[in-house]
Amino acid sequence: MEDFNFSWIIIVVASIIGLWIILYFIPIGLWFTALLSGVRVSLLQLILMRWRKVPPTVIVRSMIEAHKAGLAFVKRDELEAHYLAGGHVEQLIHALVSANKANIDLPFKMATAIDLAGRDVLEAVQMSVNPKVINTPPVTAVAKDGIQLIAKARVTVRANIKQLVGGAGEETVLARVGEGIVSSIGSASSHKSVLENPDVISKIVLEKGLDAGTAFEILSIDVADIDIGKNIGAILQMDQANADKNIAQAKAEERRAMAVATEQEMKAKAQEARAKVILAEVEIPLAMAEAFRSGNLGIMDYYRLKNIEADTTMRDSISKGTAQQKPRKPGEKGPENK
């Protein structure tokens, strides 16, 4: 009796496992749901999806959603191929349904290409319906009068479905808008004109067609805030003045060094001249001795020369004493009258 009960337990467990395997590979419930929804898909195709590593639930639910939305161009084979290529089938169908309801022309091939390119196709469709506002970082520019302006703008963009594949992203749009703001402020004659009419910046930037080649279409550019920065012109003038001063100081130092060098050179020449005079004075006694020996100079001539030299020395001493004597005050007697 116990063996009989144990056999029945084994049979029941095996039946349950077998039924689960059958239902896994033959999703009858999913097939019945598709049949009630009006989607034609055979049990054989559902079984083959399992073998192709494609989840039948994702494909069937996507086909049901597309059928209910009236998207008759969606085919099962294309959905399977998109899934096997690494695409997001459910997101793709959601995007196609949203585009159809919003009257946006979004072919199936373009939608699959956008999804496989790594972009969120559903977000792109939503951005086409509801434009996105992008805040630019602070953009610094200088007007012609040298005043620095710091501007912030809000860029309203809409996704360009046709250029999502291969089109530039938000970073390119922000860079181009920043470039346009810098160009428009830099071309202004005065910063006051920019502060008075900030809408001029928006007009100039929009006229340049900055959204060319991007995945977005720029709808509007609104200047949110403009702040006054530094006086760049004055700073540049101060820097130039300091540079000119340093150059002038360097040239003056160069001239001073040249003057010092010239002075030292003249002192050296003076010392050289004194040395020559001393050498000439040394040769005088020798010349006089030679004159005595040769008879060209007599003893009386020598005494006469010495008298002249003594007289000259006396006159020099008298002149130096007179020059060094202090001037007398009015009414003061000299030493000879005391």
C-alpha atoms as a PDB file:
ATOM      1  CA  MET A   1       0.000   0.000   0.000  1.00  0.00           C
ATOM      2  CA  GLU A   2       2.803   2.347   0.852  1.00  0.00           C
ATOM      3  CA  ASP A   3       4.549   1.547  -2.427  1.00  0.00           C
ATOM      4  CA  PHE A   4       1.323   2.326  -4.252  1.00  0.00           C
ATOM      5  CA  ASN A   5       0.997   5.753  -2.612  1.00  0.00           C
ATOM      6  CA  PHE A   6       4.646   6.574  -3.286  1.00  0.00           C
ATOM      7  CA  SER A   7       4.181   5.694  -6.955  1.00  0.00           C
ATOM      8  CA  TRP A   8       1.202   8.013  -7.194  1.00  0.00           C
ATOM      9  CA  ILE A   9       3.204  10.844  -5.634  1.00  0.00           C
ATOM     10  CA  ILE A  10       5.957  10.368  -8.196  1.00  0.00           C
ATOM     11  CA  ILE A  11       3.410  10.338 -11.007  1.00  0.00           C
ATOM     12  CA  VAL A  12       1.765  13.546  -9.780  1.00  0.00           C
ATOM     13  CA  VAL A  13       5.089  15.372  -9.387  1.00  0.00           C
ATOM     14  CA  ALA A  14       6.236  14.207 -12.800  1.00  0.00           C
ATOM     15  CA  SER A  15       2.936  15.303 -14.302  1.00  0.00           C
ATOM     16  CA  ILE A  16       3.236  18.753 -12.755  1.00  0.00           C
ATOM     17  CA  ILE A  17       6.798  19.145 -14.009  1.00  0.00           C
ATOM     18  CA  GLY A  18       5.822  17.910 -17.444  1.00  0.00           C
ATOM     19  CA  LEU A  19       2.829  20.242 -17.561  1.00  0.00           C
ATOM     20  CA  TRP A  20       5.042  23.185 -16.560  1.00  0.00           C
ATOM     21  CA  ILE A  21       7.539  22.310 -19.287  1.00  0.00           C
ATOM     22  CA  ILE A  22       4.752  22.019 -21.835  1.00  0.00           C
ATOM     23  CA  LEU A  23       3.216  25.330 -20.814  1.00  0.00           C
ATOM     24  CA  TYR A  24       6.644  26.984 -20.851  1.00  0.00           C
ATOM     25  CA  PHE A  25       7.451  25.916 -24.381  1.00  0.00           C
ATOM     26  CA  ILE A  26       3.818  26.040 -25.525  1.00  0.00           C
ATOM     27  CA  PRO A  27       2.400  29.272 -24.016  1.00  0.00           C
ATOM     28  CA  ILE A  28      -1.250  28.475 -24.552  1.00  0.00           C
ATOM     29  CA  GLY A  29      -2.386  31.281 -22.255  1.00  0.00           C
ATOM     30  CA  LEU A  30      -0.386  33.860 -24.180  1.00  0.00           C
ATOM     31  CA  TRP A  31      -1.682  32.488 -27.466  1.00  0.00           C
ATOM     32  CA  PHE A  32      -5.251  32.688 -26.194  1.00  0.00           C
ATOM     33  CA  THR A  33      -4.717  36.296 -25.027  1.00  0.00           C
ATOM     34  CA  ALA A  34      -3.376  37.263 -28.456  1.00  0.00           C
ATOM     35  CA  LEU A  35      -6.305  35.519 -30.114  1.00  0.00           C
ATOM     36  CA  LEU A  36      -8.828  37.437 -28.037  1.00  0.00           C
ATOM     37  CA  SER A  37      -6.988  40.717 -28.803  1.00  0.00           C
ATOM     38  CA  GLY A  38      -7.178  40.158 -32.537  1.00  0.00           C
ATOM     39  CA  VAL A  39      -3.482  39.392 -33.040  1.00  0.00           C
ATOM     40  CA  ARG A  40      -2.801  36.434 -35.303  1.00  0.00           C
ATOM     41  CA  VAL A  41       0.112  34.379 -34.012  1.00  0.00           C
ATOM     42  CA  SER A  42       0.402  30.597 -34.068  1.00  0.00           C
ATOM     43  CA  LEU A  43       1.483  28.304 -31.264  1.00  0.00           C
ATOM     44  CA  LEU A  44       4.334  27.099 -33.441  1.00  0.00           C
ATOM     45  CA  GLN A  45       5.728  30.638 -33.721  1.00  0.00           C
ATOM     46  CA  LEU A  46       5.519  31.061 -29.960  1.00  0.00           C
ATOM     47  CA  ILE A  47       7.413  27.797 -29.474  1.00  0.00           C
ATOM     48  CA  LEU A  48      10.061  28.849 -31.994  1.00  0.00           C
ATOM     49  CA  MET A  49      10.481  32.170 -30.169  1.00  0.00           C
ATOM     50  CA  ARG A  50      11.555  30.225 -27.099  1.00  0.00           C
ATOM     51  CA  TRP A  51      14.147  28.374 -29.122  1.00  0.00           C
ATOM     52  CA  ARG A  52      15.382  31.654 -30.670  1.00  0.00           C
ATOM     53  CA  LYS A  53      15.871  33.151 -27.177  1.00  0.00           C
ATOM     54  CA  VAL A  54      13.144  35.720 -27.797  1.00  0.00           C
ATOM     55  CA  PRO A  55      10.633  36.248 -24.959  1.00  0.00           C
ATOM     56  CA  PRO A  56       7.176  35.629 -26.466  1.00  0.00           C
ATOM     57  CA  THR A  57       5.511  37.748 -23.783  1.00  0.00           C
ATOM     58  CA  VAL A  58       7.348  40.910 -24.884  1.00  0.00           C
ATOM     59  CA  ILE A  59       6.617  40.341 -28.560  1.00  0.00           C
ATOM     60  CA  VAL A  60       2.947  39.426 -28.097  1.00  0.00           C
ATOM     61  CA  ARG A  61       2.216  42.311 -25.718  1.00  0.00           C
ATOM     62  CA  SER A  62       3.900  44.741 -28.087  1.00  0.00           C
ATOM     63  CA  MET A  63       1.886  43.387 -31.009  1.00  0.00           C
ATOM     64  CA  ILE A  64      -1.330  43.705 -29.007  1.00  0.00           C
ATOM     65  CA  GLU A  65      -0.502  47.336 -28.115  1.00  0.00           C
ATOM     66  CA  ALA A  66       0.321  48.149 -31.740  1.00  0.00           C
ATOM     67  CA  HIS A  67      -2.852  46.438 -32.981  1.00  0.00           C
ATOM     68  CA  LYS A  68      -5.065  48.309 -30.541  1.00  0.00           C
ATOM     69  CA  ALA A  69      -3.396  51.612 -31.537  1.00  0.00           C
ATOM     70  CA  GLY A  70      -4.042  50.927 -35.214  1.00  0.00           C
ATOM     71  CA  LEU A  71      -0.416  50.378 -36.198  1.00  0.00           C
ATOM     72  CA  ALA A  72      -0.960  47.756 -38.861  1.00  0.00           C
ATOM     73  CA  PHE A  73       2.578  48.123 -40.242  1.00  0.00           C
ATOM     74  CA  VAL A  74       4.147  46.502 -37.175  1.00  0.00           C
ATOM     75  CA  LYS A  75       5.151  42.922 -37.995  1.00  0.00           C
ATOM     76  CA  ARG A  76       6.159  40.105 -35.686  1.00  0.00           C
ATOM     77  CA  ASP A  77       9.321  39.252 -37.611  1.00  0.00           C
ATOM     78  CA  GLU A  78      10.513  42.868 -37.448  1.00  0.00           C
ATOM     79  CA  LEU A  79       9.937  43.005 -33.702  1.00  0.00           C
ATOM     80  CA  GLU A  80      11.899  39.785 -33.223  1.00  0.00           C
ATOM     81  CA  ALA A  81      14.728  41.086 -35.389  1.00  0.00           C
ATOM     82  CA  HIS A  82      14.811  44.333 -33.429  1.00  0.00           C
ATOM     83  CA  TYR A  83      14.961  42.458 -30.131  1.00  0.00           C
ATOM     84  CA  LEU A  84      17.750  40.199 -31.355  1.00  0.00           C
ATOM     85  CA  ALA A  85      19.670  43.304 -32.513  1.00  0.00           C
ATOM     86  CA  GLY A  86      19.648  44.629 -28.949  1.00  0.00           C
ATOM     87  CA  GLY A  87      16.726  47.020 -29.226  1.00  0.00           C
ATOM     88  CA  HIS A  88      14.040  47.869 -26.704  1.00  0.00           C
ATOM     89  CA  VAL A  89      10.835  46.526 -28.220  1.00  0.00           C
ATOM     90  CA  GLU A  90       8.413  47.837 -25.618  1.00  0.00           C
ATOM     91  CA  GLN A  91       9.932  51.349 -25.670  1.00  0.00           C
ATOM     92  CA  LEU A  92       9.790  51.268 -29.456  1.00  0.00           C
ATOM     93  CA  ILE A  93       6.076  50.427 -29.518  1.00  0.00           C
ATOM     94  CA  HIS A  94       5.318  53.070 -26.883  1.00  0.00           C
ATOM     95  CA  ALA A  95       7.117  55.656 -29.021  1.00  0.00           C
ATOM     96  CA  LEU A  96       5.280  54.611 -32.193  1.00  0.00           C
ATOM     97  CA  VAL A  97       1.920  54.818 -30.438  1.00  0.00           C
ATOM     98  CA  SER A  98       2.733  58.251 -28.966  1.00  0.00           C
ATOM     99  CA  ALA A  99       3.926  59.540 -32.345  1.00  0.00           C
ATOM    100  CA  ASN A 100       0.781  58.238 -34.031  1.00  0.00           C
ATOM    101  CA  LYS A 101      -1.474  59.938 -31.497  1.00  0.00           C
ATOM    102  CA  ALA A 102       0.477  63.215 -31.839  1.00  0.00           C
ATOM    103  CA  ASN A 103       0.389  63.099 -35.671  1.00  0.00           C
ATOM    104  CA  ILE A 104       4.175  62.862 -35.852  1.00  0.00           C
ATOM    105  CA  ASP A 105       5.584  61.117 -38.899  1.00  0.00           C
ATOM    106  CA  LEU A 106       7.749  58.367 -37.413  1.00  0.00           C
ATOM    107  CA  PRO A 107       8.330  55.381 -39.720  1.00  0.00           C
ATOM    108  CA  PHE A 108       9.104  52.030 -38.164  1.00  0.00           C
ATOM    109  CA  LYS A 109      12.596  51.820 -39.670  1.00  0.00           C
ATOM    110  CA  MET A 110      13.515  55.268 -38.419  1.00  0.00           C
ATOM    111  CA  ALA A 111      12.257  54.424 -34.939  1.00  0.00           C
ATOM    112  CA  THR A 112      14.305  51.222 -34.847  1.00  0.00           C
ATOM    113  CA  ALA A 113      17.378  53.097 -36.099  1.00  0.00           C
ATOM    114  CA  ILE A 114      16.987  55.723 -33.362  1.00  0.00           C
ATOM    115  CA  ASP A 115      16.609  53.029 -30.713  1.00  0.00           C
ATOM    116  CA  LEU A 116      19.598  51.028 -31.935  1.00  0.00           C
ATOM    117  CA  ALA A 117      21.686  54.230 -32.075  1.00  0.00           C
ATOM    118  CA  GLY A 118      21.437  54.442 -28.296  1.00  0.00           C
ATOM    119  CA  ARG A 119      18.891  57.243 -28.051  1.00  0.00           C
ATOM    120  CA  ASP A 120      15.650  57.012 -26.129  1.00  0.00           C
ATOM    121  CA  VAL A 121      13.090  57.056 -28.911  1.00  0.00           C
ATOM    122  CA  LEU A 122      10.180  57.498 -26.500  1.00  0.00           C
ATOM    123  CA  GLU A 123      11.855  60.511 -24.898  1.00  0.00           C
ATOM    124  CA  ALA A 124      12.497  61.956 -28.356  1.00  0.00           C
ATOM    125  CA  VAL A 125       8.813  61.671 -29.247  1.00  0.00           C
ATOM    126  CA  GLN A 126       7.807  63.213 -25.934  1.00  0.00           C
ATOM    127  CA  MET A 127      10.269  66.068 -26.508  1.00  0.00           C
ATOM    128  CA  SER A 128       8.736  66.653 -29.926  1.00  0.00           C
ATOM    129  CA  VAL A 129       5.335  67.047 -28.294  1.00  0.00           C
ATOM    130  CA  ASN A 130       6.529  68.870 -25.176  1.00  0.00           C
ATOM    131  CA  PRO A 131       9.623  71.021 -25.936  1.00  0.00           C
ATOM    132  CA  LYS A 132      12.505  70.962 -23.487  1.00  0.00           C
ATOM    133  CA  VAL A 133      14.103  73.999 -21.844  1.00  0.00           C
ATOM    134  CA  ILE A 134      17.901  73.928 -21.536  1.00  0.00           C
ATOM    135  CA  ASN A 135      19.622  76.384 -19.197  1.00  0.00           C
ATOM    136  CA  THR A 136      22.987  77.557 -20.451  1.00  0.00           C
ATOM    137  CA  PRO A 137      25.902  78.007 -18.060  1.00  0.00           C
ATOM    138  CA  PRO A 138      27.068  81.596 -17.405  1.00  0.00           C
ATOM    139  CA  VAL A 139      28.553  82.991 -20.621  1.00  0.00           C
ATOM    140  CA  THR A 140      31.203  85.704 -20.226  1.00  0.00           C
ATOM    141  CA  ALA A 141      31.740  88.254 -22.994  1.00  0.00           C
ATOM    142  CA  VAL A 142      33.247  91.739 -23.340  1.00  0.00           C
ATOM    143  CA  ALA A 143      31.641  94.649 -25.184  1.00  0.00           C
ATOM    144  CA  LYS A 144      33.636  97.113 -27.271  1.00  0.00           C
ATOM    145  CA  ASP A 145      33.828  99.602 -24.387  1.00  0.00           C
ATOM    146  CA  GLY A 146      35.765  97.035 -22.336  1.00  0.00           C
ATOM    147  CA  ILE A 147      33.005  96.129 -19.847  1.00  0.00           C
ATOM    148  CA  GLN A 148      32.549  92.441 -19.106  1.00  0.00           C
ATOM    149  CA  LEU A 149      29.020  91.001 -19.171  1.00  0.00           C
ATOM    150  CA  ILE A 150      27.927  87.636 -17.767  1.00  0.00           C
ATOM    151  CA  ALA A 151      24.783  86.314 -19.455  1.00  0.00           C
ATOM    152  CA  LYS A 152      22.536  83.333 -18.789  1.00  0.00           C
ATOM    153  CA  ALA A 153      20.010  82.103 -21.333  1.00  0.00           C
ATOM    154  CA  ARG A 154      17.237  79.549 -21.613  1.00  0.00           C
ATOM    155  CA  VAL A 155      17.069  77.619 -24.858  1.00  0.00           C
ATOM    156  CA  THR A 156      13.763  75.990 -25.781  1.00  0.00           C
ATOM    157  CA  VAL A 157      14.376  73.048 -28.100  1.00  0.00           C
ATOM    158  CA  ARG A 158      12.265  70.407 -29.769  1.00  0.00           C
ATOM    159  CA  ALA A 159      13.546  67.033 -30.909  1.00  0.00           C
ATOM    160  CA  ASN A 160      14.170  66.759 -34.629  1.00  0.00           C
ATOM    161  CA  ILE A 161      13.127  63.178 -35.347  1.00  0.00           C
ATOM    162  CA  LYS A 162      14.760  63.077 -38.762  1.00  0.00           C
ATOM    163  CA  GLN A 163      18.189  64.040 -37.399  1.00  0.00           C
ATOM    164  CA  LEU A 164      18.253  62.008 -34.209  1.00  0.00           C
ATOM    165  CA  VAL A 165      20.509  59.488 -35.925  1.00  0.00           C
ATOM    166  CA  GLY A 166      23.865  61.173 -36.470  1.00  0.00           C
ATOM    167  CA  GLY A 167      22.776  64.572 -35.156  1.00  0.00           C
ATOM    168  CA  ALA A 168      24.687  66.499 -32.500  1.00  0.00           C
ATOM    169  CA  GLY A 169      23.436  66.543 -28.916  1.00  0.00           C
ATOM    170  CA  GLU A 170      22.704  69.114 -26.233  1.00  0.00           C
ATOM    171  CA  GLU A 171      26.383  69.919 -25.635  1.00  0.00           C
ATOM    172  CA  THR A 172      26.773  71.137 -29.212  1.00  0.00           C
ATOM    173  CA  VAL A 173      23.634  73.266 -28.967  1.00  0.00           C
ATOM    174  CA  LEU A 174      24.855  74.870 -25.730  1.00  0.00           C
ATOM    175  CA  ALA A 175      28.291  75.510 -27.222  1.00  0.00           C
ATOM    176  CA  ARG A 176      26.824  77.170 -30.311  1.00  0.00           C
ATOM    177  CA  VAL A 177      24.440  79.295 -28.262  1.00  0.00           C
ATOM    178  CA  GLY A 178      27.316  80.395 -26.032  1.00  0.00           C
ATOM    179  CA  GLU A 179      29.363  81.283 -29.093  1.00  0.00           C
ATOM    180  CA  GLY A 180      26.479  83.326 -30.484  1.00  0.00           C
ATOM    181  CA  ILE A 181      26.036  85.202 -27.195  1.00  0.00           C
ATOM    182  CA  VAL A 182      29.747  86.038 -27.053  1.00  0.00           C
ATOM    183  CA  SER A 183      29.687  87.231 -30.664  1.00  0.00           C
ATOM    184  CA  SER A 184      26.596  89.406 -30.205  1.00  0.00           C
ATOM    185  CA  ILE A 185      27.890  91.029 -27.001  1.00  0.00           C
ATOM    186  CA  GLY A 186      31.341  91.526 -28.488  1.00  0.00           C
ATOM    187  CA  SER A 187      29.896  93.341 -31.498  1.00  0.00           C
ATOM    188  CA  ALA A 188      27.937  95.771 -29.282  1.00  0.00           C
ATOM    189  CA  SER A 189      29.464  99.257 -29.110  1.00  0.00           C
ATOM    190  CA  SER A 190      28.568  99.643 -25.439  1.00  0.00           C
ATOM    191  CA  HIS A 191      27.476  97.369 -22.638  1.00  0.00           C
ATOM    192  CA  LYS A 192      24.623  99.772 -21.922  1.00  0.00           C
ATOM    193  CA  SER A 193      22.992  98.979 -25.254  1.00  0.00           C
ATOM    194  CA  VAL A 194      23.056  95.275 -24.376  1.00  0.00           C
ATOM    195  CA  LEU A 195      21.513  95.929 -20.968  1.00  0.00           C
ATOM    196  CA  GLU A 196      18.822  98.105 -22.527  1.00  0.00           C
ATOM    197  CA  ASN A 197      17.875  95.600 -25.253  1.00  0.00           C
ATOM    198  CA  PRO A 198      18.810  92.041 -24.250  1.00  0.00           C
ATOM    199  CA  ASP A 199      16.394  90.682 -26.856  1.00  0.00           C
ATOM    200  CA  VAL A 200      18.901  91.755 -29.506  1.00  0.00           C
ATOM    201  CA  ILE A 201      21.084  88.856 -28.398  1.00  0.00           C
ATOM    202  CA  SER A 202      18.246  86.384 -28.940  1.00  0.00           C
ATOM    203  CA  LYS A 203      17.485  87.736 -32.404  1.00  0.00           C
ATOM    204  CA  ILE A 204      21.110  87.633 -33.533  1.00  0.00           C
ATOM    205  CA  VAL A 205      21.637  84.106 -32.206  1.00  0.00           C
ATOM    206  CA  LEU A 206      18.430  82.768 -33.762  1.00  0.00           C
ATOM    207  CA  GLU A 207      19.299  84.272 -37.149  1.00  0.00           C
ATOM    208  CA  LYS A 208      22.524  82.244 -37.277  1.00  0.00           C
ATOM    209  CA  GLY A 209      20.700  78.903 -37.513  1.00  0.00           C
ATOM    210  CA  LEU A 210      22.628  77.241 -34.716  1.00  0.00           C
ATOM    211  CA  ASP A 211      20.489  74.082 -34.803  1.00  0.00           C
ATOM    212  CA  ALA A 212      21.849  72.970 -38.183  1.00  0.00           C
ATOM    213  CA  GLY A 213      23.192  69.432 -38.005  1.00  0.00           C
ATOM    214  CA  THR A 214      21.860  68.820 -34.501  1.00  0.00           C
ATOM    215  CA  ALA A 215      19.163  66.506 -33.205  1.00  0.00           C
ATOM    216  CA  PHE A 216      17.146  69.473 -31.977  1.00  0.00           C
ATOM    217  CA  GLU A 217      15.221  72.391 -33.383  1.00  0.00           C
ATOM    218  CA  ILE A 218      15.716  75.645 -31.489  1.00  0.00           C
ATOM    219  CA  LEU A 219      12.363  77.310 -30.904  1.00  0.00           C
ATOM    220  CA  SER A 220      13.470  80.294 -28.827  1.00  0.00           C
ATOM    221  CA  ILE A 221      16.429  81.713 -26.933  1.00  0.00           C
ATOM    222  CA  ASP A 222      15.549  83.883 -23.959  1.00  0.00           C
ATOM    223  CA  VAL A 223      18.147  85.840 -21.995  1.00  0.00           C
ATOM    224  CA  ALA A 224      17.332  85.121 -18.354  1.00  0.00           C
ATOM    225  CA  ASP A 225      19.955  87.266 -16.629  1.00  0.00           C
ATOM    226  CA  ILE A 226      22.799  89.662 -17.453  1.00  0.00           C
ATOM    227  CA  ASP A 227      25.327  90.743 -14.826  1.00  0.00           C
ATOM    228  CA  ILE A 228      28.116  93.295 -15.131  1.00  0.00           C
ATOM    229  CA  GLY A 229      31.562  91.881 -14.500  1.00  0.00           C
ATOM    230  CA  LYS A 230      34.985  93.487 -14.501  1.00  0.00           C
ATOM    231  CA  ASN A 231      36.215  96.471 -16.477  1.00  0.00           C
ATOM    232  CA  ILE A 232      38.466  94.474 -18.752  1.00  0.00           C
ATOM    233  CA  GLY A 233      39.469  97.549 -20.777  1.00  0.00           C
ATOM    234  CA  ALA A 234      40.774  99.367 -17.698  1.00  0.00           C
ATOM    235  CA  ILE A 235      42.591  96.253 -16.514  1.00  0.00           C
ATOM    236  CA  LEU A 236      44.280  95.886 -19.891  1.00  0.00           C
ATOM    237  CA  GLN A 237      45.293  99.548 -19.873  1.00  0.00           C
ATOM    238  CA  MET A 238      46.756  99.180 -16.380  1.00  0.00           C
ATOM    239  CA  ASP A 239      48.665  96.099 -17.445  1.00  0.00           C
ATOM    240  CA  GLN A 240      49.955  97.947 -20.507  1.00  0.00           C
ATOM    241  CA  ALA A 241      51.001 100.915 -18.361  1.00  0.00           C
ATOM    242  CA  ASN A 242      52.851  98.612 -15.970  1.00  0.00           C
ATOM    243  CA  ALA A 243      54.544  96.930 -18.896  1.00  0.00           C
ATOM    244  CA  ASP A 244      55.594 100.305 -20.344  1.00  0.00           C
ATOM    245  CA  LYS A 245      56.904 101.374 -16.919  1.00  0.00           C
ATOM    246  CA  ASN A 246      58.939  98.203 -16.583  1.00  0.00           C
ATOM    247  CA  ILE A 247      60.362  98.709 -20.069  1.00  0.00           C
ATOM    248  CA  ALA A 248      61.279 102.329 -19.265  1.00  0.00           C
ATOM    249  CA  GLN A 249      62.919 101.257 -16.004  1.00  0.00           C
ATOM    250  CA  ALA A 250      64.880  98.589 -17.822  1.00  0.00           C
ATOM    251  CA  LYS A 251      66.087 101.101 -20.411  1.00  0.00           C
ATOM    252  CA  ALA A 252      67.018 103.616 -17.675  1.00  0.00           C
ATOM    253  CA  GLU A 253      68.954 100.924 -15.845  1.00  0.00           C
ATOM    254  CA  GLU A 254      70.712 100.091 -19.078  1.00  0.00           C
ATOM    255  CA  ARG A 255      71.683 103.743 -19.595  1.00  0.00           C
ATOM    256  CA  ARG A 256      72.886 104.009 -15.973  1.00  0.00           C
ATOM    257  CA  ALA A 257      75.013 100.914 -16.387  1.00  0.00           C
ATOM    258  CA  MET A 258      76.496 102.343 -19.569  1.00  0.00           C
ATOM    259  CA  ALA A 259      77.242 105.650 -17.787  1.00  0.00           C
ATOM    260  CA  VAL A 260      78.936 103.811 -14.915  1.00  0.00           C
ATOM    261  CA  ALA A 261      80.987 101.816 -17.384  1.00  0.00           C
ATOM    262  CA  THR A 262      81.991 105.003 -19.225  1.00  0.00           C
ATOM    263  CA  GLU A 263      82.955 106.657 -15.926  1.00  0.00           C
ATOM    264  CA  GLN A 264      85.110 103.715 -14.956  1.00  0.00           C
ATOM    265  CA  GLU A 265      86.713 103.793 -18.372  1.00  0.00           C
ATOM    266  CA  MET A 266      87.524 107.507 -18.016  1.00  0.00           C
ATOM    267  CA  LYS A 267      88.983 106.916 -14.549  1.00  0.00           C
ATOM    268  CA  ALA A 268      91.185 104.217 -15.987  1.00  0.00           C
ATOM    269  CA  LYS A 269      92.348 106.560 -18.724  1.00  0.00           C
ATOM    270  CA  ALA A 270      93.096 109.283 -16.104  1.00  0.00           C
ATOM    271  CA  GLN A 271      95.134 106.825 -14.061  1.00  0.00           C
ATOM    272  CA  GLU A 272      97.007 105.847 -17.183  1.00  0.00           C
ATOM    273  CA  ALA A 273      97.742 109.516 -17.959  1.00  0.00           C
ATOM    274  CA  ARG A 274      99.027 110.104 -14.391  1.00  0.00           C
ATOM    275  CA  ALA A 275     101.264 107.097 -14.708  1.00  0.00           C
ATOM    276  CA  LYS A 276     102.723 108.514 -17.904  1.00  0.00           C
ATOM    277  CA  VAL A 277     103.323 111.894 -16.177  1.00  0.00           C
ATOM    278  CA  ILE A 278     105.089 110.175 -13.280  1.00  0.00           C
ATOM    279  CA  LEU A 279     107.247 108.245 -15.711  1.00  0.00           C
ATOM    280  CA  ALA A 280     108.117 111.492 -17.486  1.00  0.00           C
ATOM    281  CA  GLU A 281     108.991 113.212 -14.159  1.00  0.00           C
ATOM    282  CA  VAL A 282     111.279 110.316 -13.275  1.00  0.00           C
ATOM    283  CA  GLU A 283     113.231 110.898 -16.474  1.00  0.00           C
ATOM    284  CA  ILE A 284     113.873 114.634 -15.682  1.00  0.00           C
ATOM    285  CA  PRO A 285     116.819 114.076 -13.251  1.00  0.00           C
ATOM    286  CA  LEU A 286     118.320 111.615 -15.682  1.00  0.00           C
ATOM    287  CA  ALA A 287     118.017 114.135 -18.485  1.00  0.00           C
ATOM    288  CA  MET A 288     119.611 116.873 -16.324  1.00  0.00           C
ATOM    289  CA  ALA A 289     122.491 114.586 -15.415  1.00  0.00           C
ATOM    290  CA  GLU A 290     123.002 113.782 -19.055  1.00  0.00           C
ATOM    291  CA  ALA A 291     122.939 117.520 -19.859  1.00  0.00           C
ATOM    292  CA  PHE A 292     125.662 118.181 -17.213  1.00  0.00           C
ATOM    293  CA  ARG A 293     127.832 115.437 -18.645  1.00  0.00           C
ATOM    294  CA  SER A 294     127.406 116.615 -22.188  1.00  0.00           C
ATOM    295  CA  GLY A 295     128.030 120.272 -21.271  1.00  0.00           C
ATOM    296  CA  ASN A 296     124.631 121.473 -22.429  1.00  0.00           C
ATOM    297  CA  LEU A 297     123.737 122.667 -18.899  1.00  0.00           C
ATOM    298  CA  GLY A 298     126.036 124.714 -16.672  1.00  0.00           C
ATOM    299  CA  ILE A 299     126.057 125.148 -12.928  1.00  0.00           C
ATOM    300  CA  MET A 300     124.642 128.659 -13.163  1.00  0.00           C
ATOM    301  CA  ASP A 301     121.851 127.422 -15.335  1.00  0.00           C
ATOM    302  CA  TYR A 302     121.079 124.801 -12.714  1.00  0.00           C
ATOM    303  CA  TYR A 303     120.985 127.394  -9.878  1.00  0.00           C
ATOM    304  CA  ARG A 304     118.811 129.663 -11.949  1.00  0.00           C
ATOM    305  CA  LEU A 305     116.407 126.748 -12.546  1.00  0.00           C
ATOM    306  CA  LYS A 306     116.301 125.944  -8.832  1.00  0.00           C
ATOM    307  CA  ASN A 307     115.598 129.605  -7.989  1.00  0.00           C
ATOM    308  CA  ILE A 308     112.717 129.644 -10.437  1.00  0.00           C
ATOM    309  CA  GLU A 309     111.382 126.410  -8.939  1.00  0.00           C
ATOM    310  CA  ALA A 310     111.651 127.813  -5.394  1.00  0.00           C
ATOM    311  CA  ASP A 311     109.970 131.040  -6.441  1.00  0.00           C
ATOM    312  CA  THR A 312     107.159 129.054  -8.045  1.00  0.00           C
ATOM    313  CA  THR A 313     106.721 126.940  -4.914  1.00  0.00           C
ATOM    314  CA  MET A 314     106.592 130.080  -2.733  1.00  0.00           C
ATOM    315  CA  ARG A 315     103.964 131.662  -4.953  1.00  0.00           C
ATOM    316  CA  ASP A 316     101.871 128.474  -4.814  1.00  0.00           C
ATOM    317  CA  SER A 317     102.022 128.369  -1.018  1.00  0.00           C
ATOM    318  CA  ILE A 318     101.070 132.047  -0.751  1.00  0.00           C
ATOM    319  CA  SER A 319      98.123 131.582  -3.099  1.00  0.00           C
ATOM    320  CA  LYS A 320      96.903 128.522  -1.195  1.00  0.00           C
ATOM    321  CA  GLY A 321      97.139 130.362   2.143  1.00  0.00           C
ATOM    322  CA  THR A 322      95.106 133.276   0.814  1.00  0.00           C
ATOM    323  CA  ALA A 323      92.445 130.936  -0.531  1.00  0.00           C
ATOM    324  CA  GLN A 324      92.173 129.088   2.803  1.00  0.00           C
ATOM    325  CA  GLN A 325      91.905 132.306   4.901  1.00  0.00           C
ATOM    326  CA  LYS A 326      88.375 132.843   6.313  1.00  0.00           C
ATOM    327  CA  PRO A 327      86.460 135.894   5.085  1.00  0.00           C
ATOM    328  CA  ARG A 328      86.216 138.689   7.694  1.00  0.00           C
ATOM    329  CA  LYS A 329      82.972 139.874   9.130  1.00  0.00           C
ATOM    330  CA  PRO A 330      82.038 143.544   8.720  1.00  0.00           C
ATOM    331  CA  GLY A 331      83.981 145.639  11.299  1.00  0.00           C
ATOM    332  CA  GLU A 332      86.277 142.774  12.319  1.00  0.00           C
ATOM    333  CA  LYS A 333      90.012 143.616  12.479  1.00  0.00           C
ATOM    334  CA  GLY A 334      92.629 141.475  10.982  1.00  0.00           C
ATOM    335  CA  PRO A 335      95.437 139.866  12.999  1.00  0.00           C
ATOM    336  CA  GLU A 336      97.857 142.579  11.915  1.00  0.00           C
ATOM    337  CA  ASN A 337      95.630 145.305  13.499  1.00  0.00           C
ATOM    338  CA  LYS A 338      95.145 143.603  16.841  1.00  0.00           C
END
